[in-house]
Amino acid sequence: MGDLDARGQPITILLNCTVLSNFAVVNRLDLLQSAARGQAATTEVVIDEFNEGVVLGYFAPASLDWLPVLTLSPEERVTFHRLRIRLGAGEASCFAVAHHRGLRVATDDSDARRYAQRAGIPVSGTLGILAQLVRSRVITLEEGNALLAEMVQRGYRAPLTDLSTLLE
């Protein structure tokens, strides 16, 4: 059996710091928690990166208590060190775990997404999560586009500015 969260839900996706950061800068980690539906986790390395972002003032301190933190197995650590040559630490940790445990990864890092495509690891990102929130009527399209615009204003390099193209 795979990893389970505190309520016994299966973990299916790993959240990378790029996605966590995009929701943190607009103070809407609650939306990310809602979208995760208890099926997301992250790694210790990503938590360290997130906390460094808080220390550097990129976003306000925020609780990630809802997000299970996975520890890399010895095999995953070997994969992590191999991937670390071409990916950032957070991305490498998520993809090492995803590779060994058959999970998806949520990341906005373009190098990491290219690696995922080559490795056959399914990915999503901030845009996909915002679109999911609109589809599930947690937020409206207008609210989603407003959040996206604010994320872009705060440094997210999104390939589009209107979520409606993802909803067609």
C-alpha atoms as a PDB file:
ATOM      1  CA  MET A   1       0.000   0.000   0.000  1.00  0.00           C
ATOM      2  CA  GLY A   2       1.187   3.554  -0.747  1.00  0.00           C
ATOM      3  CA  ASP A   3       1.662   6.521   1.548  1.00  0.00           C
ATOM      4  CA  LEU A   4      -1.374   7.720   3.476  1.00  0.00           C
ATOM      5  CA  ASP A   5      -2.132  11.072   5.028  1.00  0.00           C
ATOM      6  CA  ALA A   6      -3.200  11.461   8.673  1.00  0.00           C
ATOM      7  CA  ARG A   7      -6.811  10.541   7.794  1.00  0.00           C
ATOM      8  CA  GLY A   8      -5.823   7.432   5.860  1.00  0.00           C
ATOM      9  CA  GLN A   9      -6.269   9.028   2.430  1.00  0.00           C
ATOM     10  CA  PRO A  10      -3.816   7.888  -0.251  1.00  0.00           C
ATOM     11  CA  ILE A  11      -1.124  10.360  -1.269  1.00  0.00           C
ATOM     12  CA  THR A  12      -1.231  10.865  -5.051  1.00  0.00           C
ATOM     13  CA  ILE A  13       0.646  14.120  -5.676  1.00  0.00           C
ATOM     14  CA  LEU A  14       3.698  15.916  -4.316  1.00  0.00           C
ATOM     15  CA  LEU A  15       3.647  19.706  -4.034  1.00  0.00           C
ATOM     16  CA  ASN A  16       6.848  21.490  -4.966  1.00  0.00           C
ATOM     17  CA  CYS A  17       7.882  24.843  -3.520  1.00  0.00           C
ATOM     18  CA  THR A  18       7.042  26.761  -6.721  1.00  0.00           C
ATOM     19  CA  VAL A  19       3.363  25.860  -6.356  1.00  0.00           C
ATOM     20  CA  LEU A  20       3.333  26.351  -2.574  1.00  0.00           C
ATOM     21  CA  SER A  21       4.976  29.748  -3.043  1.00  0.00           C
ATOM     22  CA  ASN A  22       2.492  30.935  -5.669  1.00  0.00           C
ATOM     23  CA  PHE A  23      -0.424  30.283  -3.326  1.00  0.00           C
ATOM     24  CA  ALA A  24       1.496  31.663  -0.320  1.00  0.00           C
ATOM     25  CA  VAL A  25       2.268  35.018  -1.960  1.00  0.00           C
ATOM     26  CA  VAL A  26      -1.467  35.637  -2.430  1.00  0.00           C
ATOM     27  CA  ASN A  27      -2.259  34.319   1.084  1.00  0.00           C
ATOM     28  CA  ARG A  28      -4.431  31.514  -0.307  1.00  0.00           C
ATOM     29  CA  LEU A  29      -2.791  28.300   0.851  1.00  0.00           C
ATOM     30  CA  ASP A  30      -6.305  27.395   1.980  1.00  0.00           C
ATOM     31  CA  LEU A  31      -7.255  26.993  -1.690  1.00  0.00           C
ATOM     32  CA  LEU A  32      -4.293  24.720  -2.292  1.00  0.00           C
ATOM     33  CA  GLN A  33      -5.332  22.666   0.731  1.00  0.00           C
ATOM     34  CA  SER A  34      -8.862  22.442  -0.663  1.00  0.00           C
ATOM     35  CA  ALA A  35      -7.622  21.388  -4.100  1.00  0.00           C
ATOM     36  CA  ALA A  36      -5.353  18.735  -2.559  1.00  0.00           C
ATOM     37  CA  ARG A  37      -8.385  16.990  -1.026  1.00  0.00           C
ATOM     38  CA  GLY A  38      -6.117  15.235   1.442  1.00  0.00           C
ATOM     39  CA  GLN A  39      -4.135  13.544  -1.333  1.00  0.00           C
ATOM     40  CA  ALA A  40      -1.070  15.800  -1.423  1.00  0.00           C
ATOM     41  CA  ALA A  41       2.223  15.653   0.412  1.00  0.00           C
ATOM     42  CA  THR A  42       5.645  17.189   0.062  1.00  0.00           C
ATOM     43  CA  THR A  43       9.226  16.466   1.099  1.00  0.00           C
ATOM     44  CA  GLU A  44      11.428  17.729   3.906  1.00  0.00           C
ATOM     45  CA  VAL A  45      13.585  19.532   1.324  1.00  0.00           C
ATOM     46  CA  VAL A  46      10.563  21.462  -0.006  1.00  0.00           C
ATOM     47  CA  ILE A  47       9.549  22.442   3.533  1.00  0.00           C
ATOM     48  CA  ASP A  48      13.079  23.784   4.074  1.00  0.00           C
ATOM     49  CA  GLU A  49      12.847  25.805   0.835  1.00  0.00           C
ATOM     50  CA  PHE A  50       9.425  27.151   1.829  1.00  0.00           C
ATOM     51  CA  ASN A  51      10.693  28.177   5.275  1.00  0.00           C
ATOM     52  CA  GLU A  52      13.681  29.894   3.639  1.00  0.00           C
ATOM     53  CA  GLY A  53      11.217  31.905   1.522  1.00  0.00           C
ATOM     54  CA  VAL A  54       9.491  33.030   4.718  1.00  0.00           C
ATOM     55  CA  VAL A  55      12.824  34.052   6.292  1.00  0.00           C
ATOM     56  CA  LEU A  56      13.755  35.993   3.149  1.00  0.00           C
ATOM     57  CA  GLY A  57      10.411  37.810   3.233  1.00  0.00           C
ATOM     58  CA  TYR A  58       8.986  36.419  -0.005  1.00  0.00           C
ATOM     59  CA  PHE A  59       5.731  35.589   1.795  1.00  0.00           C
ATOM     60  CA  ALA A  60       4.293  35.631   5.299  1.00  0.00           C
ATOM     61  CA  PRO A  61       4.716  32.730   7.693  1.00  0.00           C
ATOM     62  CA  ALA A  62       2.012  30.143   7.094  1.00  0.00           C
ATOM     63  CA  SER A  63       1.065  26.810   8.563  1.00  0.00           C
ATOM     64  CA  LEU A  64       1.564  23.762   6.386  1.00  0.00           C
ATOM     65  CA  ASP A  65       0.359  21.408   9.117  1.00  0.00           C
ATOM     66  CA  TRP A  66      -2.270  20.041   6.709  1.00  0.00           C
ATOM     67  CA  LEU A  67       0.439  18.808   4.343  1.00  0.00           C
ATOM     68  CA  PRO A  68       2.137  15.473   5.121  1.00  0.00           C
ATOM     69  CA  VAL A  69       5.933  15.591   4.824  1.00  0.00           C
ATOM     70  CA  LEU A  70       7.597  12.510   3.356  1.00  0.00           C
ATOM     71  CA  THR A  71      11.101  11.366   4.187  1.00  0.00           C
ATOM     72  CA  LEU A  72      13.213  10.014   1.342  1.00  0.00           C
ATOM     73  CA  SER A  73      14.072   6.314   1.492  1.00  0.00           C
ATOM     74  CA  PRO A  74      17.680   5.221   0.866  1.00  0.00           C
ATOM     75  CA  GLU A  75      16.817   4.410  -2.781  1.00  0.00           C
ATOM     76  CA  GLU A  76      15.096   7.773  -3.200  1.00  0.00           C
ATOM     77  CA  ARG A  77      18.172   9.524  -1.778  1.00  0.00           C
ATOM     78  CA  VAL A  78      20.325   7.912  -4.481  1.00  0.00           C
ATOM     79  CA  THR A  79      17.885   9.131  -7.136  1.00  0.00           C
ATOM     80  CA  PHE A  80      17.749  12.560  -5.467  1.00  0.00           C
ATOM     81  CA  HIS A  81      21.539  12.976  -5.699  1.00  0.00           C
ATOM     82  CA  ARG A  82      21.483  11.914  -9.367  1.00  0.00           C
ATOM     83  CA  LEU A  83      18.686  14.385 -10.179  1.00  0.00           C
ATOM     84  CA  ARG A  84      20.259  17.163  -8.099  1.00  0.00           C
ATOM     85  CA  ILE A  85      22.862  17.603 -10.839  1.00  0.00           C
ATOM     86  CA  ARG A  86      20.246  19.145 -13.154  1.00  0.00           C
ATOM     87  CA  LEU A  87      17.331  20.116 -10.881  1.00  0.00           C
ATOM     88  CA  GLY A  88      16.913  22.245  -7.781  1.00  0.00           C
ATOM     89  CA  ALA A  89      16.838  20.459  -4.445  1.00  0.00           C
ATOM     90  CA  GLY A  90      13.070  20.661  -3.983  1.00  0.00           C
ATOM     91  CA  GLU A  91      12.337  19.475  -7.503  1.00  0.00           C
ATOM     92  CA  ALA A  92      14.896  16.672  -7.232  1.00  0.00           C
ATOM     93  CA  SER A  93      13.403  15.464  -3.941  1.00  0.00           C
ATOM     94  CA  CYS A  94       9.843  15.464  -5.317  1.00  0.00           C
ATOM     95  CA  PHE A  95      10.803  13.644  -8.500  1.00  0.00           C
ATOM     96  CA  ALA A  96      12.916  11.098  -6.630  1.00  0.00           C
ATOM     97  CA  VAL A  97       9.925  10.210  -4.452  1.00  0.00           C
ATOM     98  CA  ALA A  98       7.489  10.333  -7.393  1.00  0.00           C
ATOM     99  CA  HIS A  99       9.701   7.999  -9.422  1.00  0.00           C
ATOM    100  CA  HIS A 100       9.905   5.363  -6.696  1.00  0.00           C
ATOM    101  CA  ARG A 101       6.344   5.640  -5.355  1.00  0.00           C
ATOM    102  CA  GLY A 102       4.414   6.265  -8.578  1.00  0.00           C
ATOM    103  CA  LEU A 103       3.170   9.733  -7.633  1.00  0.00           C
ATOM    104  CA  ARG A 104       2.449  12.900  -9.615  1.00  0.00           C
ATOM    105  CA  VAL A 105       4.267  16.188  -8.997  1.00  0.00           C
ATOM    106  CA  ALA A 106       2.876  19.718  -8.908  1.00  0.00           C
ATOM    107  CA  THR A 107       5.603  22.119 -10.044  1.00  0.00           C
ATOM    108  CA  ASP A 108       5.925  25.236 -12.154  1.00  0.00           C
ATOM    109  CA  ASP A 109       9.662  24.857 -12.730  1.00  0.00           C
ATOM    110  CA  SER A 110      10.250  24.510 -16.485  1.00  0.00           C
ATOM    111  CA  ASP A 111      13.386  22.344 -16.167  1.00  0.00           C
ATOM    112  CA  ALA A 112      11.553  20.036 -13.777  1.00  0.00           C
ATOM    113  CA  ARG A 113       8.562  19.784 -16.123  1.00  0.00           C
ATOM    114  CA  ARG A 114      10.859  18.880 -19.031  1.00  0.00           C
ATOM    115  CA  TYR A 115      12.481  16.193 -16.882  1.00  0.00           C
ATOM    116  CA  ALA A 116       9.029  14.851 -15.932  1.00  0.00           C
ATOM    117  CA  GLN A 117       8.022  14.593 -19.575  1.00  0.00           C
ATOM    118  CA  ARG A 118      11.171  12.597 -20.404  1.00  0.00           C
ATOM    119  CA  ALA A 119      10.774  10.403 -17.313  1.00  0.00           C
ATOM    120  CA  GLY A 120       7.057   9.790 -17.816  1.00  0.00           C
ATOM    121  CA  ILE A 121       6.091  11.328 -14.470  1.00  0.00           C
ATOM    122  CA  PRO A 122       2.722  13.130 -14.591  1.00  0.00           C
ATOM    123  CA  VAL A 123       2.855  16.796 -13.606  1.00  0.00           C
ATOM    124  CA  SER A 124       0.508  19.629 -12.890  1.00  0.00           C
ATOM    125  CA  GLY A 125       1.121  23.103 -11.594  1.00  0.00           C
ATOM    126  CA  THR A 126      -0.430  26.314 -10.369  1.00  0.00           C
ATOM    127  CA  LEU A 127      -2.513  26.802 -13.530  1.00  0.00           C
ATOM    128  CA  GLY A 128      -3.899  23.276 -13.392  1.00  0.00           C
ATOM    129  CA  ILE A 129      -4.744  23.661  -9.719  1.00  0.00           C
ATOM    130  CA  LEU A 130      -6.485  27.002 -10.287  1.00  0.00           C
ATOM    131  CA  ALA A 131      -8.447  25.455 -13.178  1.00  0.00           C
ATOM    132  CA  GLN A 132      -9.412  22.511 -10.946  1.00  0.00           C
ATOM    133  CA  LEU A 133     -10.659  24.942  -8.288  1.00  0.00           C
ATOM    134  CA  VAL A 134     -12.816  26.699 -10.901  1.00  0.00           C
ATOM    135  CA  ARG A 135     -14.142  23.412 -12.331  1.00  0.00           C
ATOM    136  CA  SER A 136     -15.090  22.204  -8.862  1.00  0.00           C
ATOM    137  CA  ARG A 137     -16.756  25.574  -8.126  1.00  0.00           C
ATOM    138  CA  VAL A 138     -14.555  26.348  -5.132  1.00  0.00           C
ATOM    139  CA  ILE A 139     -13.818  29.678  -6.839  1.00  0.00           C
ATOM    140  CA  THR A 140     -15.311  31.425  -9.861  1.00  0.00           C
ATOM    141  CA  LEU A 141     -13.432  31.949 -13.119  1.00  0.00           C
ATOM    142  CA  GLU A 142     -13.191  35.646 -12.256  1.00  0.00           C
ATOM    143  CA  GLU A 143     -11.699  34.844  -8.846  1.00  0.00           C
ATOM    144  CA  GLY A 144      -9.268  32.395 -10.446  1.00  0.00           C
ATOM    145  CA  ASN A 145      -8.136  34.936 -13.014  1.00  0.00           C
ATOM    146  CA  ALA A 146      -7.758  37.583 -10.299  1.00  0.00           C
ATOM    147  CA  LEU A 147      -5.587  35.215  -8.240  1.00  0.00           C
ATOM    148  CA  LEU A 148      -3.543  34.365 -11.318  1.00  0.00           C
ATOM    149  CA  ALA A 149      -3.031  38.071 -12.080  1.00  0.00           C
ATOM    150  CA  GLU A 150      -1.893  38.707  -8.512  1.00  0.00           C
ATOM    151  CA  MET A 151       0.492  35.729  -8.667  1.00  0.00           C
ATOM    152  CA  VAL A 152       1.944  37.076 -11.930  1.00  0.00           C
ATOM    153  CA  GLN A 153       2.295  40.530 -10.394  1.00  0.00           C
ATOM    154  CA  ARG A 154       4.272  38.911  -7.566  1.00  0.00           C
ATOM    155  CA  GLY A 155       6.659  37.039  -9.854  1.00  0.00           C
ATOM    156  CA  TYR A 156       4.918  33.938 -11.256  1.00  0.00           C
ATOM    157  CA  ARG A 157       5.899  33.555 -14.923  1.00  0.00           C
ATOM    158  CA  ALA A 158       2.664  32.041 -16.154  1.00  0.00           C
ATOM    159  CA  PRO A 159       2.347  31.076 -19.827  1.00  0.00           C
ATOM    160  CA  LEU A 160      -1.198  32.490 -19.932  1.00  0.00           C
ATOM    161  CA  THR A 161      -3.307  35.101 -18.178  1.00  0.00           C
ATOM    162  CA  ASP A 162      -6.825  33.669 -18.620  1.00  0.00           C
ATOM    163  CA  LEU A 163      -7.842  30.340 -17.116  1.00  0.00           C
ATOM    164  CA  SER A 164     -10.794  29.987 -19.501  1.00  0.00           C
ATOM    165  CA  THR A 165      -8.488  28.461 -22.134  1.00  0.00           C
ATOM    166  CA  LEU A 166      -7.853  25.572 -19.712  1.00  0.00           C
ATOM    167  CA  LEU A 167     -11.556  25.050 -19.079  1.00  0.00           C
ATOM    168  CA  GLU A 168     -12.644  24.561 -22.680  1.00  0.00           C
END
